[in-house]
Amino acid sequence: GFALIAAGMKGAQADACTLLSSDAIRQATGERVTNTKAVSQAVGKVRQSQCFYSLPTFTNSISVTLTSPAGLSRDAAREMWERWFHRGEDDKEKDRGKPEAEEEEAAAKAAPVAGVGDEAFWVHSFVGNLYVRKGNRFLRISLGGKMTDEERQTRAKALAADALRRLR
């Protein structure tokens, strides 16, 4: 179909709305997607493609962000990941107040998650966020809803598995 041609023309710019199948979302949440909204932006050396999957129970809606290298720096997203999840305390002090510091601060409370992608972390804020790295790109899957943190994490891992299969 037409969507496929459009996707092909964009080449490496993967659209986050192609990463989760309706089946995987239905299995994880028990609900059907009512709408998807895509937003894409270049931030410095990385490109972030985000998709908001709306569900009938709005609090159960899912947000997926794919961070990929943009331009010439093939390692930009990977470097950002390293900075968020593998930095020493000294570095953290230096960077306070920078635009992405908020996300980095959340990452400081990250718990490693085994068996997803090349590396993964769970960050609990008012929603649950699963960060998954695959090669030089990474995903963030955010889930809200009235459930325990464990249930959220289980759902997020199932969704991540589906997304990684589609991430070419």
N, C-alpha and C. Protein backbone atom coordinates (compact mmCIF):
# COMPACT_ATOMS: atom_id res chain seq x y z
N GLY A 1 0.81 -1.21 0.00
CA GLY A 1 0.00 0.00 0.00
C GLY A 1 0.83 1.25 0.00
N PHE A 2 0.13 2.35 0.00
CA PHE A 2 0.76 3.67 -0.07
C PHE A 2 1.65 3.93 1.13
N ALA A 3 1.18 3.56 2.31
CA ALA A 3 1.96 3.82 3.54
C ALA A 3 3.34 3.19 3.44
N LEU A 4 3.39 2.02 2.83
CA LEU A 4 4.66 1.32 2.72
C LEU A 4 5.63 2.08 1.84
N ILE A 5 5.12 2.64 0.73
CA ILE A 5 5.97 3.41 -0.18
C ILE A 5 6.49 4.65 0.56
N ALA A 6 5.60 5.33 1.27
CA ALA A 6 6.00 6.53 2.01
C ALA A 6 7.09 6.19 3.03
N ALA A 7 6.91 5.05 3.70
CA ALA A 7 7.89 4.65 4.71
C ALA A 7 9.23 4.37 4.04
N GLY A 8 9.19 3.74 2.87
CA GLY A 8 10.41 3.42 2.13
C GLY A 8 11.15 4.68 1.74
N MET A 9 10.41 5.71 1.34
CA MET A 9 11.01 6.95 0.90
C MET A 9 11.72 7.65 2.05
N LYS A 10 11.19 7.48 3.26
CA LYS A 10 11.82 8.13 4.41
C LYS A 10 13.09 7.40 4.82
N GLY A 11 13.29 6.20 4.31
CA GLY A 11 14.51 5.47 4.60
C GLY A 11 14.66 5.18 6.07
N ALA A 12 15.74 5.67 6.65
CA ALA A 12 16.10 5.32 8.03
C ALA A 12 15.20 5.98 9.08
N GLN A 13 14.37 6.93 8.66
CA GLN A 13 13.53 7.62 9.66
C GLN A 13 12.37 6.73 10.06
N ALA A 14 12.64 5.78 10.94
CA ALA A 14 11.57 4.89 11.38
C ALA A 14 10.51 5.69 12.13
N ASP A 15 9.26 5.43 11.82
CA ASP A 15 8.15 6.09 12.49
C ASP A 15 7.76 5.22 13.69
N ALA A 16 7.75 5.82 14.87
CA ALA A 16 7.45 5.04 16.08
C ALA A 16 6.06 4.41 16.02
N CYS A 17 5.17 4.96 15.19
CA CYS A 17 3.82 4.39 15.09
C CYS A 17 3.79 3.08 14.31
N THR A 18 4.92 2.69 13.73
CA THR A 18 4.96 1.39 13.04
C THR A 18 5.56 0.32 13.95
N LEU A 19 5.97 0.72 15.17
CA LEU A 19 6.72 -0.22 16.00
C LEU A 19 5.86 -1.20 16.80
N LEU A 20 4.64 -0.82 17.14
CA LEU A 20 3.81 -1.73 17.92
C LEU A 20 2.62 -2.20 17.09
N SER A 21 2.39 -3.50 17.09
CA SER A 21 1.23 -4.02 16.36
C SER A 21 0.00 -3.89 17.24
N SER A 22 -1.16 -3.75 16.61
CA SER A 22 -2.41 -3.66 17.38
C SER A 22 -2.60 -4.91 18.21
N ASP A 23 -2.17 -6.06 17.67
CA ASP A 23 -2.29 -7.32 18.40
C ASP A 23 -1.51 -7.29 19.70
N ALA A 24 -0.26 -6.82 19.62
CA ALA A 24 0.59 -6.78 20.81
C ALA A 24 -0.02 -5.85 21.86
N ILE A 25 -0.56 -4.73 21.41
CA ILE A 25 -1.17 -3.79 22.35
C ILE A 25 -2.42 -4.40 22.97
N ARG A 26 -3.21 -5.08 22.15
CA ARG A 26 -4.42 -5.71 22.69
C ARG A 26 -4.06 -6.80 23.70
N GLN A 27 -3.02 -7.59 23.39
CA GLN A 27 -2.60 -8.63 24.34
C GLN A 27 -2.10 -8.02 25.64
N ALA A 28 -1.37 -6.92 25.54
CA ALA A 28 -0.77 -6.32 26.74
C ALA A 28 -1.80 -5.58 27.59
N THR A 29 -2.79 -4.96 26.94
CA THR A 29 -3.70 -4.08 27.69
C THR A 29 -5.14 -4.56 27.72
N GLY A 30 -5.49 -5.49 26.82
CA GLY A 30 -6.88 -5.92 26.74
C GLY A 30 -7.74 -4.92 25.97
N GLU A 31 -7.10 -3.89 25.39
CA GLU A 31 -7.88 -2.87 24.67
C GLU A 31 -7.36 -2.69 23.25
N ARG A 32 -8.25 -2.14 22.41
CA ARG A 32 -7.87 -1.85 21.02
C ARG A 32 -7.44 -0.39 20.90
N VAL A 33 -6.43 -0.16 20.08
CA VAL A 33 -5.96 1.20 19.84
C VAL A 33 -7.06 1.99 19.14
N THR A 34 -7.38 3.18 19.65
CA THR A 34 -8.41 4.00 19.00
C THR A 34 -7.79 5.03 18.08
N ASN A 35 -6.52 5.38 18.33
CA ASN A 35 -5.90 6.43 17.55
C ASN A 35 -4.39 6.41 17.78
N THR A 36 -3.62 6.84 16.77
CA THR A 36 -2.18 7.01 16.98
C THR A 36 -1.81 8.41 16.52
N LYS A 37 -0.88 9.01 17.22
CA LYS A 37 -0.43 10.35 16.86
C LYS A 37 1.09 10.34 16.87
N ALA A 38 1.69 10.69 15.73
CA ALA A 38 3.15 10.66 15.61
C ALA A 38 3.73 12.07 15.67
N VAL A 39 4.86 12.19 16.35
CA VAL A 39 5.60 13.44 16.40
C VAL A 39 7.05 13.08 16.19
N SER A 40 7.74 13.84 15.35
CA SER A 40 9.15 13.53 15.12
C SER A 40 9.94 14.82 15.20
N GLN A 41 11.10 14.77 15.85
CA GLN A 41 11.92 15.98 15.92
C GLN A 41 13.39 15.62 15.98
N ALA A 42 14.22 16.50 15.44
CA ALA A 42 15.66 16.32 15.57
C ALA A 42 16.09 17.15 16.76
N VAL A 43 16.83 16.53 17.66
CA VAL A 43 17.34 17.23 18.85
C VAL A 43 18.84 17.06 18.85
N GLY A 44 19.56 18.10 18.49
CA GLY A 44 21.02 17.98 18.43
C GLY A 44 21.39 16.90 17.42
N LYS A 45 22.15 15.91 17.89
CA LYS A 45 22.64 14.88 16.97
C LYS A 45 21.73 13.66 16.91
N VAL A 46 20.57 13.74 17.57
CA VAL A 46 19.67 12.58 17.51
C VAL A 46 18.32 12.97 16.95
N ARG A 47 17.62 11.95 16.45
CA ARG A 47 16.26 12.16 15.97
C ARG A 47 15.36 11.36 16.88
N GLN A 48 14.29 11.99 17.35
CA GLN A 48 13.34 11.29 18.20
C GLN A 48 12.00 11.21 17.50
N SER A 49 11.54 9.98 17.32
CA SER A 49 10.24 9.75 16.73
C SER A 49 9.36 9.22 17.85
N GLN A 50 8.25 9.89 18.09
CA GLN A 50 7.39 9.48 19.20
C GLN A 50 6.01 9.14 18.66
N CYS A 51 5.39 8.13 19.27
CA CYS A 51 4.03 7.79 18.90
C CYS A 51 3.20 7.64 20.17
N PHE A 52 2.04 8.25 20.15
CA PHE A 52 1.11 8.10 21.27
C PHE A 52 -0.02 7.21 20.79
N TYR A 53 -0.16 6.03 21.40
CA TYR A 53 -1.22 5.08 21.05
C TYR A 53 -2.36 5.28 22.04
N SER A 54 -3.46 5.88 21.58
CA SER A 54 -4.60 6.13 22.47
C SER A 54 -5.44 4.87 22.62
N LEU A 55 -5.87 4.62 23.87
CA LEU A 55 -6.73 3.48 24.15
C LEU A 55 -8.03 4.01 24.77
N PRO A 56 -9.11 3.20 24.69
CA PRO A 56 -10.39 3.64 25.26
C PRO A 56 -10.27 4.08 26.73
N THR A 57 -9.49 3.34 27.52
CA THR A 57 -9.21 3.80 28.88
C THR A 57 -7.97 4.66 28.76
N PHE A 58 -8.18 5.99 28.77
CA PHE A 58 -7.10 6.90 28.41
C PHE A 58 -5.83 6.69 29.23
N THR A 59 -5.97 6.43 30.53
CA THR A 59 -4.78 6.26 31.38
C THR A 59 -3.95 5.05 30.97
N ASN A 60 -4.55 4.12 30.22
CA ASN A 60 -3.80 2.94 29.76
C ASN A 60 -3.04 3.22 28.46
N SER A 61 -3.21 4.40 27.89
CA SER A 61 -2.56 4.71 26.62
C SER A 61 -1.05 4.54 26.73
N ILE A 62 -0.42 4.31 25.58
CA ILE A 62 1.00 3.95 25.54
C ILE A 62 1.74 4.97 24.70
N SER A 63 2.92 5.34 25.17
CA SER A 63 3.74 6.24 24.39
C SER A 63 5.06 5.54 24.09
N VAL A 64 5.51 5.62 22.83
CA VAL A 64 6.77 5.01 22.43
C VAL A 64 7.64 6.07 21.78
N THR A 65 8.88 6.18 22.23
CA THR A 65 9.82 7.12 21.62
C THR A 65 11.03 6.34 21.14
N LEU A 66 11.36 6.54 19.87
CA LEU A 66 12.55 5.91 19.29
C LEU A 66 13.60 7.00 19.11
N THR A 67 14.76 6.80 19.71
CA THR A 67 15.86 7.76 19.56
C THR A 67 16.93 7.12 18.69
N SER A 68 17.23 7.78 17.56
CA SER A 68 18.21 7.26 16.59
C SER A 68 19.25 8.34 16.32
N PRO A 69 20.42 7.91 15.82
CA PRO A 69 21.41 8.93 15.46
C PRO A 69 20.90 9.73 14.26
N ALA A 70 21.18 11.02 14.22
CA ALA A 70 20.79 11.84 13.07
C ALA A 70 22.06 12.38 12.44
N GLY A 71 22.03 12.58 11.15
CA GLY A 71 23.21 13.17 10.50
C GLY A 71 24.40 12.22 10.51
N LEU A 72 25.56 12.77 10.70
CA LEU A 72 26.79 11.98 10.51
C LEU A 72 27.20 11.17 11.71
N SER A 73 26.72 11.56 12.89
CA SER A 73 27.18 10.88 14.10
C SER A 73 26.41 9.59 14.34
N ARG A 74 26.98 8.47 13.93
CA ARG A 74 26.28 7.19 14.09
C ARG A 74 26.14 6.78 15.55
N ASP A 75 26.96 7.37 16.42
CA ASP A 75 26.96 6.95 17.82
C ASP A 75 26.21 7.91 18.74
N ALA A 76 25.56 8.93 18.18
CA ALA A 76 24.96 9.97 19.02
C ALA A 76 23.94 9.43 20.02
N ALA A 77 23.05 8.55 19.57
CA ALA A 77 22.02 8.02 20.46
C ALA A 77 22.66 7.11 21.52
N ARG A 78 23.63 6.34 21.08
CA ARG A 78 24.35 5.44 21.98
C ARG A 78 25.07 6.23 23.07
N GLU A 79 25.69 7.36 22.65
CA GLU A 79 26.40 8.20 23.61
C GLU A 79 25.44 8.80 24.64
N MET A 80 24.25 9.19 24.16
CA MET A 80 23.23 9.74 25.04
C MET A 80 22.83 8.66 26.06
N TRP A 81 22.64 7.44 25.58
CA TRP A 81 22.28 6.30 26.44
C TRP A 81 23.36 6.11 27.51
N GLU A 82 24.62 6.09 27.07
CA GLU A 82 25.73 5.89 28.00
C GLU A 82 25.74 6.99 29.07
N ARG A 83 25.47 8.21 28.62
CA ARG A 83 25.47 9.35 29.54
C ARG A 83 24.34 9.21 30.56
N TRP A 84 23.19 8.75 30.12
CA TRP A 84 22.04 8.61 31.01
C TRP A 84 22.20 7.47 32.00
N PHE A 85 22.66 6.33 31.48
CA PHE A 85 22.61 5.12 32.31
C PHE A 85 23.94 4.66 32.87
N HIS A 86 25.04 5.21 32.39
CA HIS A 86 26.34 4.70 32.83
C HIS A 86 27.31 5.79 33.24
N ARG A 87 26.81 6.86 33.85
CA ARG A 87 27.78 7.90 34.18
C ARG A 87 28.11 7.91 35.66
N GLY A 88 29.25 8.48 35.95
CA GLY A 88 29.66 8.61 37.34
C GLY A 88 28.96 9.79 37.98
N GLU A 89 29.01 9.84 39.30
CA GLU A 89 28.36 10.92 40.06
C GLU A 89 28.91 12.30 39.69
N ASP A 90 30.22 12.39 39.40
CA ASP A 90 30.83 13.69 39.09
C ASP A 90 30.18 14.31 37.86
N ASP A 91 29.97 13.48 36.83
CA ASP A 91 29.36 13.97 35.60
C ASP A 91 27.96 14.51 35.87
N LYS A 92 27.24 13.83 36.75
CA LYS A 92 25.86 14.23 37.01
C LYS A 92 25.80 15.63 37.59
N GLU A 93 26.75 15.95 38.47
CA GLU A 93 26.78 17.29 39.08
C GLU A 93 26.96 18.35 38.01
N LYS A 94 27.90 18.10 37.07
CA LYS A 94 28.23 19.08 36.02
C LYS A 94 27.03 19.44 35.16
N ASP A 95 26.16 18.47 34.93
CA ASP A 95 25.10 18.65 33.93
C ASP A 95 23.77 19.15 34.48
N ARG A 96 23.68 19.41 35.76
CA ARG A 96 22.40 19.87 36.32
C ARG A 96 21.87 21.07 35.54
N GLY A 97 20.56 21.06 35.27
CA GLY A 97 19.96 22.21 34.63
C GLY A 97 20.03 22.21 33.12
N LYS A 98 20.71 21.24 32.53
CA LYS A 98 20.71 21.14 31.06
C LYS A 98 19.35 20.62 30.60
N PRO A 99 18.97 20.90 29.34
CA PRO A 99 17.62 20.53 28.87
C PRO A 99 17.25 19.07 29.13
N GLU A 100 18.18 18.16 28.88
CA GLU A 100 17.80 16.75 29.06
C GLU A 100 18.09 16.25 30.46
N ALA A 101 18.47 17.16 31.37
CA ALA A 101 18.83 16.75 32.73
C ALA A 101 17.68 16.03 33.42
N GLU A 102 16.45 16.43 33.11
CA GLU A 102 15.27 15.83 33.72
C GLU A 102 15.23 14.33 33.42
N GLU A 103 15.43 14.00 32.16
CA GLU A 103 15.43 12.60 31.76
C GLU A 103 16.62 11.88 32.39
N GLU A 104 17.76 12.54 32.42
CA GLU A 104 18.94 11.93 33.03
C GLU A 104 18.72 11.66 34.50
N GLU A 105 18.03 12.59 35.16
CA GLU A 105 17.79 12.41 36.58
C GLU A 105 16.90 11.20 36.82
N ALA A 106 15.89 11.04 35.95
CA ALA A 106 15.02 9.86 36.04
C ALA A 106 15.88 8.61 35.84
N ALA A 107 16.78 8.67 34.87
CA ALA A 107 17.63 7.52 34.56
C ALA A 107 18.51 7.13 35.74
N ALA A 108 18.80 8.11 36.61
CA ALA A 108 19.63 7.82 37.77
C ALA A 108 18.95 6.81 38.70
N LYS A 109 17.62 6.72 38.62
CA LYS A 109 16.88 5.77 39.46
C LYS A 109 16.55 4.48 38.70
N ALA A 110 17.25 4.28 37.60
CA ALA A 110 16.94 3.15 36.73
C ALA A 110 17.33 1.80 37.34
N ALA A 111 16.48 0.80 37.09
CA ALA A 111 16.79 -0.57 37.50
C ALA A 111 17.02 -1.39 36.24
N PRO A 112 18.14 -2.12 36.16
CA PRO A 112 18.41 -2.93 34.96
C PRO A 112 17.34 -4.01 34.76
N VAL A 113 17.01 -4.27 33.49
CA VAL A 113 16.03 -5.29 33.14
C VAL A 113 16.73 -6.29 32.22
N ALA A 114 16.70 -7.56 32.59
CA ALA A 114 17.40 -8.57 31.79
C ALA A 114 16.53 -9.08 30.65
N GLY A 115 17.19 -9.52 29.59
CA GLY A 115 16.51 -10.24 28.52
C GLY A 115 15.72 -9.42 27.53
N VAL A 116 15.97 -8.10 27.46
CA VAL A 116 15.28 -7.27 26.47
C VAL A 116 16.33 -6.45 25.72
N GLY A 117 16.36 -6.59 24.40
CA GLY A 117 17.30 -5.82 23.60
C GLY A 117 18.74 -6.09 23.99
N ASP A 118 19.64 -5.15 23.68
CA ASP A 118 21.05 -5.31 24.06
C ASP A 118 21.22 -4.93 25.52
N GLU A 119 20.34 -4.04 25.97
CA GLU A 119 20.41 -3.56 27.34
C GLU A 119 19.09 -2.85 27.62
N ALA A 120 18.60 -2.95 28.85
CA ALA A 120 17.33 -2.29 29.16
C ALA A 120 17.28 -1.85 30.61
N PHE A 121 16.52 -0.78 30.85
CA PHE A 121 16.33 -0.25 32.20
C PHE A 121 14.88 0.12 32.42
N TRP A 122 14.43 -0.06 33.64
CA TRP A 122 13.07 0.33 34.03
C TRP A 122 13.19 1.56 34.91
N VAL A 123 12.46 2.60 34.57
CA VAL A 123 12.47 3.83 35.35
C VAL A 123 11.03 4.12 35.76
N HIS A 124 10.79 4.14 37.06
CA HIS A 124 9.44 4.39 37.53
C HIS A 124 9.28 5.86 37.89
N SER A 125 8.38 6.55 37.20
CA SER A 125 8.02 7.90 37.61
C SER A 125 6.52 7.82 37.84
N PHE A 126 5.74 8.83 37.45
CA PHE A 126 4.28 8.67 37.64
C PHE A 126 3.73 7.69 36.61
N VAL A 127 4.51 7.41 35.59
CA VAL A 127 4.20 6.28 34.70
C VAL A 127 5.42 5.36 34.76
N GLY A 128 5.29 4.18 34.15
CA GLY A 128 6.44 3.29 34.08
C GLY A 128 7.11 3.47 32.74
N ASN A 129 8.43 3.55 32.73
CA ASN A 129 9.17 3.73 31.48
C ASN A 129 10.19 2.62 31.31
N LEU A 130 10.08 1.91 30.20
CA LEU A 130 11.08 0.90 29.88
C LEU A 130 11.96 1.45 28.77
N TYR A 131 13.25 1.57 29.06
CA TYR A 131 14.22 2.03 28.06
C TYR A 131 14.94 0.79 27.54
N VAL A 132 14.99 0.63 26.22
CA VAL A 132 15.61 -0.55 25.63
C VAL A 132 16.56 -0.11 24.52
N ARG A 133 17.82 -0.53 24.63
CA ARG A 133 18.77 -0.20 23.57
C ARG A 133 18.97 -1.39 22.65
N LYS A 134 18.99 -1.10 21.36
CA LYS A 134 19.30 -2.12 20.35
C LYS A 134 20.32 -1.47 19.43
N GLY A 135 21.57 -1.94 19.51
CA GLY A 135 22.62 -1.35 18.68
C GLY A 135 22.77 0.13 18.98
N ASN A 136 22.70 0.97 17.94
CA ASN A 136 22.93 2.40 18.16
C ASN A 136 21.63 3.20 18.26
N ARG A 137 20.52 2.53 18.57
CA ARG A 137 19.24 3.22 18.77
C ARG A 137 18.62 2.75 20.07
N PHE A 138 17.70 3.54 20.61
CA PHE A 138 16.99 3.05 21.79
C PHE A 138 15.54 3.51 21.80
N LEU A 139 14.75 2.73 22.52
CA LEU A 139 13.31 2.97 22.65
C LEU A 139 12.98 3.33 24.08
N ARG A 140 11.96 4.14 24.25
CA ARG A 140 11.36 4.30 25.57
C ARG A 140 9.88 3.97 25.42
N ILE A 141 9.41 3.03 26.20
CA ILE A 141 7.99 2.68 26.18
C ILE A 141 7.41 3.12 27.51
N SER A 142 6.44 4.02 27.48
CA SER A 142 5.83 4.55 28.70
C SER A 142 4.41 4.06 28.84
N LEU A 143 4.09 3.52 30.02
CA LEU A 143 2.76 2.99 30.31
C LEU A 143 2.21 3.60 31.58
N GLY A 144 0.96 4.02 31.51
CA GLY A 144 0.29 4.50 32.71
C GLY A 144 -0.66 3.43 33.20
N GLY A 145 -1.82 3.85 33.67
CA GLY A 145 -2.84 2.87 34.06
C GLY A 145 -2.79 2.48 35.52
N LYS A 146 -3.90 1.91 35.97
CA LYS A 146 -4.01 1.52 37.38
C LYS A 146 -3.54 0.08 37.52
N MET A 147 -2.24 -0.11 37.68
CA MET A 147 -1.73 -1.46 37.91
C MET A 147 -0.45 -1.35 38.70
N THR A 148 0.03 -2.49 39.16
CA THR A 148 1.27 -2.46 39.94
C THR A 148 2.44 -2.21 39.00
N ASP A 149 3.55 -1.83 39.58
CA ASP A 149 4.75 -1.57 38.81
C ASP A 149 5.19 -2.84 38.08
N GLU A 150 5.04 -4.00 38.77
CA GLU A 150 5.41 -5.27 38.13
C GLU A 150 4.57 -5.55 36.89
N GLU A 151 3.25 -5.32 37.01
CA GLU A 151 2.36 -5.55 35.87
C GLU A 151 2.75 -4.64 34.71
N ARG A 152 3.03 -3.39 35.03
CA ARG A 152 3.46 -2.45 33.98
C ARG A 152 4.72 -2.92 33.29
N GLN A 153 5.67 -3.38 34.12
CA GLN A 153 6.95 -3.81 33.57
C GLN A 153 6.77 -5.02 32.66
N THR A 154 5.92 -5.95 33.09
CA THR A 154 5.65 -7.14 32.28
C THR A 154 5.04 -6.75 30.93
N ARG A 155 4.08 -5.84 30.97
CA ARG A 155 3.45 -5.37 29.73
C ARG A 155 4.46 -4.65 28.84
N ALA A 156 5.27 -3.80 29.46
CA ALA A 156 6.25 -3.03 28.70
C ALA A 156 7.26 -3.95 28.02
N LYS A 157 7.66 -5.03 28.72
CA LYS A 157 8.62 -5.97 28.14
C LYS A 157 8.01 -6.69 26.94
N ALA A 158 6.74 -7.07 27.05
CA ALA A 158 6.05 -7.74 25.93
C ALA A 158 5.97 -6.79 24.74
N LEU A 159 5.65 -5.53 24.99
CA LEU A 159 5.55 -4.54 23.91
C LEU A 159 6.93 -4.28 23.31
N ALA A 160 7.95 -4.23 24.15
CA ALA A 160 9.31 -4.01 23.66
C ALA A 160 9.73 -5.13 22.73
N ALA A 161 9.40 -6.36 23.08
CA ALA A 161 9.76 -7.51 22.25
C ALA A 161 9.13 -7.35 20.86
N ASP A 162 7.86 -6.91 20.85
CA ASP A 162 7.16 -6.69 19.58
C ASP A 162 7.83 -5.58 18.78
N ALA A 163 8.16 -4.47 19.45
CA ALA A 163 8.78 -3.33 18.77
C ALA A 163 10.16 -3.69 18.20
N LEU A 164 10.94 -4.48 18.97
CA LEU A 164 12.29 -4.82 18.50
C LEU A 164 12.25 -5.71 17.27
N ARG A 165 11.21 -6.52 17.16
CA ARG A 165 11.07 -7.36 15.97
C ARG A 165 10.86 -6.49 14.73
N ARG A 166 10.22 -5.33 14.91
CA ARG A 166 9.92 -4.46 13.78
C ARG A 166 10.99 -3.43 13.51
N LEU A 167 11.90 -3.28 14.46
CA LEU A 167 12.94 -2.27 14.34
C LEU A 167 14.03 -2.81 13.43
N ARG A 168 14.02 -2.34 12.22
CA ARG A 168 15.00 -2.85 11.24
C ARG A 168 16.17 -1.92 11.13
